[in-house]
C-alpha atoms as a PDB file:
ATOM      1  CA  MET A   1       0.000   0.000   0.000  1.00  0.00           C
ATOM      2  CA  TYR A   2       1.379   3.389  -0.996  1.00  0.00           C
ATOM      3  CA  GLU A   3       0.556   6.932   0.049  1.00  0.00           C
ATOM      4  CA  VAL A   4      -0.203   8.569  -3.282  1.00  0.00           C
ATOM      5  CA  SER A   5       0.930  12.167  -2.725  1.00  0.00           C
ATOM      6  CA  THR A   6       4.408  11.126  -1.525  1.00  0.00           C
ATOM      7  CA  ALA A   7       4.724   7.684  -3.190  1.00  0.00           C
ATOM      8  CA  VAL A   8       5.850   6.267   0.161  1.00  0.00           C
ATOM      9  CA  LEU A   9       5.426   2.533   0.757  1.00  0.00           C
ATOM     10  CA  LEU A  10       3.216   2.244   3.847  1.00  0.00           C
ATOM     11  CA  PHE A  11       2.684  -1.504   4.101  1.00  0.00           C
ATOM     12  CA  ARG A  12       3.560  -4.625   2.163  1.00  0.00           C
ATOM     13  CA  GLN A  13       2.293  -8.159   2.739  1.00  0.00           C
ATOM     14  CA  ARG A  14       2.097 -11.243   0.538  1.00  0.00           C
ATOM     15  CA  ILE A  15      -1.526 -12.349   0.517  1.00  0.00           C
ATOM     16  CA  THR A  16      -1.319 -15.186  -2.012  1.00  0.00           C
ATOM     17  CA  ASP A  17       1.261 -17.262  -3.856  1.00  0.00           C
ATOM     18  CA  SER A  18      -0.859 -17.139  -6.998  1.00  0.00           C
ATOM     19  CA  LEU A  19      -1.028 -14.158  -9.367  1.00  0.00           C
ATOM     20  CA  ILE A  20      -3.868 -11.697  -8.711  1.00  0.00           C
ATOM     21  CA  PHE A  21      -5.397 -10.930 -12.070  1.00  0.00           C
ATOM     22  CA  VAL A  22      -8.417  -8.775 -11.186  1.00  0.00           C
ATOM     23  CA  ALA A  23      -9.265  -6.443  -8.311  1.00  0.00           C
ATOM     24  CA  ALA A  24     -12.068  -3.995  -7.597  1.00  0.00           C
ATOM     25  CA  LYS A  25     -13.205  -1.710  -4.809  1.00  0.00           C
ATOM     26  CA  ASN A  26     -15.457  -3.370  -2.256  1.00  0.00           C
ATOM     27  CA  PRO A  27     -18.285  -0.836  -1.782  1.00  0.00           C
ATOM     28  CA  THR A  28     -19.388  -2.497   1.460  1.00  0.00           C
ATOM     29  CA  THR A  29     -16.061  -2.163   3.313  1.00  0.00           C
ATOM     30  CA  ASP A  30     -14.190   0.436   1.212  1.00  0.00           C
ATOM     31  CA  GLY A  31     -11.484  -2.208   0.810  1.00  0.00           C
ATOM     32  CA  MET A  32     -10.695  -4.359  -2.202  1.00  0.00           C
ATOM     33  CA  ILE A  33     -11.889  -7.674  -3.543  1.00  0.00           C
ATOM     34  CA  CYS A  34      -9.339  -9.615  -5.593  1.00  0.00           C
ATOM     35  CA  ILE A  35      -9.416 -12.868  -7.529  1.00  0.00           C
ATOM     36  CA  ASN A  36      -6.223 -14.764  -8.091  1.00  0.00           C
ATOM     37  CA  LYS A  37      -5.297 -17.190 -10.853  1.00  0.00           C
ATOM     38  CA  ALA A  38      -6.232 -20.157  -8.640  1.00  0.00           C
ATOM     39  CA  GLY A  39      -9.797 -18.805  -8.351  1.00  0.00           C
ATOM     40  CA  GLN A  40      -9.568 -17.676  -4.741  1.00  0.00           C
ATOM     41  CA  VAL A  41     -11.563 -14.571  -3.823  1.00  0.00           C
ATOM     42  CA  LEU A  42      -9.622 -12.360  -1.423  1.00  0.00           C
ATOM     43  CA  SER A  43     -10.883  -9.429   0.606  1.00  0.00           C
ATOM     44  CA  ILE A  44      -8.372  -6.738   1.609  1.00  0.00           C
ATOM     45  CA  ASN A  45      -9.259  -4.105   4.193  1.00  0.00           C
ATOM     46  CA  VAL A  46      -7.346  -1.577   6.296  1.00  0.00           C
ATOM     47  CA  ASP A  47      -7.830  -1.808  10.055  1.00  0.00           C
ATOM     48  CA  GLU A  48      -8.671   1.865  10.604  1.00  0.00           C
ATOM     49  CA  LYS A  49      -8.297   1.690  14.397  1.00  0.00           C
ATOM     50  CA  ASN A  50      -4.703   0.452  14.199  1.00  0.00           C
ATOM     51  CA  PHE A  51      -3.475   2.085  10.990  1.00  0.00           C
ATOM     52  CA  ILE A  52      -2.279   5.417  12.436  1.00  0.00           C
ATOM     53  CA  PRO A  53      -0.630   3.824  15.524  1.00  0.00           C
ATOM     54  CA  TYR A  54       1.118   1.387  13.130  1.00  0.00           C
ATOM     55  CA  LEU A  55       2.478   4.283  11.070  1.00  0.00           C
ATOM     56  CA  MET A  56       3.664   6.186  14.151  1.00  0.00           C
ATOM     57  CA  ASN A  57       5.169   3.280  16.116  1.00  0.00           C
ATOM     58  CA  VAL A  58       6.152   0.529  13.672  1.00  0.00           C
ATOM     59  CA  ALA A  59       6.732   2.059  10.235  1.00  0.00           C
ATOM     60  CA  LYS A  60      10.144   3.562  11.041  1.00  0.00           C
ATOM     61  CA  HIS A  61      11.200   3.084   7.392  1.00  0.00           C
ATOM     62  CA  ILE A  62       9.014   6.065   6.433  1.00  0.00           C
ATOM     63  CA  PRO A  63      10.725   9.461   6.577  1.00  0.00           C
ATOM     64  CA  ASP A  64       8.744  11.698   8.982  1.00  0.00           C
ATOM     65  CA  ASN A  65       6.369   8.834   9.779  1.00  0.00           C
ATOM     66  CA  VAL A  66       4.676  10.779  12.590  1.00  0.00           C
ATOM     67  CA  GLY A  67       4.046  13.768  10.320  1.00  0.00           C
ATOM     68  CA  LEU A  68       2.622  11.523   7.612  1.00  0.00           C
ATOM     69  CA  ALA A  69       0.428   9.722  10.171  1.00  0.00           C
ATOM     70  CA  PHE A  70      -0.871  13.100  11.352  1.00  0.00           C
ATOM     71  CA  LYS A  71      -1.689  14.204   7.793  1.00  0.00           C
ATOM     72  CA  LEU A  72      -3.479  10.939   6.970  1.00  0.00           C
ATOM     73  CA  ALA A  73      -5.423  10.958  10.250  1.00  0.00           C
ATOM     74  CA  GLN A  74      -6.504  14.513   9.556  1.00  0.00           C
ATOM     75  CA  ARG A  75      -7.380  13.930   5.893  1.00  0.00           C
ATOM     76  CA  PHE A  76      -9.355  10.714   6.417  1.00  0.00           C
ATOM     77  CA  HIS A  77     -10.653  11.298   9.969  1.00  0.00           C
ATOM     78  CA  LEU A  78      -8.825   8.238  11.307  1.00  0.00           C
ATOM     79  CA  PRO A  79      -8.455   7.465  15.027  1.00  0.00           C
ATOM     80  CA  GLY A  80      -5.104   6.969  16.715  1.00  0.00           C
ATOM     81  CA  ALA A  81      -3.432  10.373  16.448  1.00  0.00           C
ATOM     82  CA  ASP A  82      -5.519  12.181  19.046  1.00  0.00           C
ATOM     83  CA  GLU A  83      -2.472  13.149  21.123  1.00  0.00           C
ATOM     84  CA  LEU A  84      -0.999  14.927  18.061  1.00  0.00           C
ATOM     85  CA  PHE A  85      -3.995  17.246  17.676  1.00  0.00           C
ATOM     86  CA  VAL A  86      -3.212  20.059  20.096  1.00  0.00           C
ATOM     87  CA  ALA A  87      -5.397  23.159  20.266  1.00  0.00           C
END
């Protein structure tokens, strides 16, 4: 998963050994539904409650990871960066 405006790799995980040949947005979950060459249907979703804490505490490979987490939390109204929002 990449952050589009900075082209930064946020997360990478192998979900299947078989080639994914079609994917579409899942309107129910705002995630993705994929079908691989073996015929498996895969559902991919972001855990919104843990995404921002993951970026701030685990994703140390991202330059200014806390700043990026703040921007994404603000843009998409995601929980987990409450302590960064100071009045």
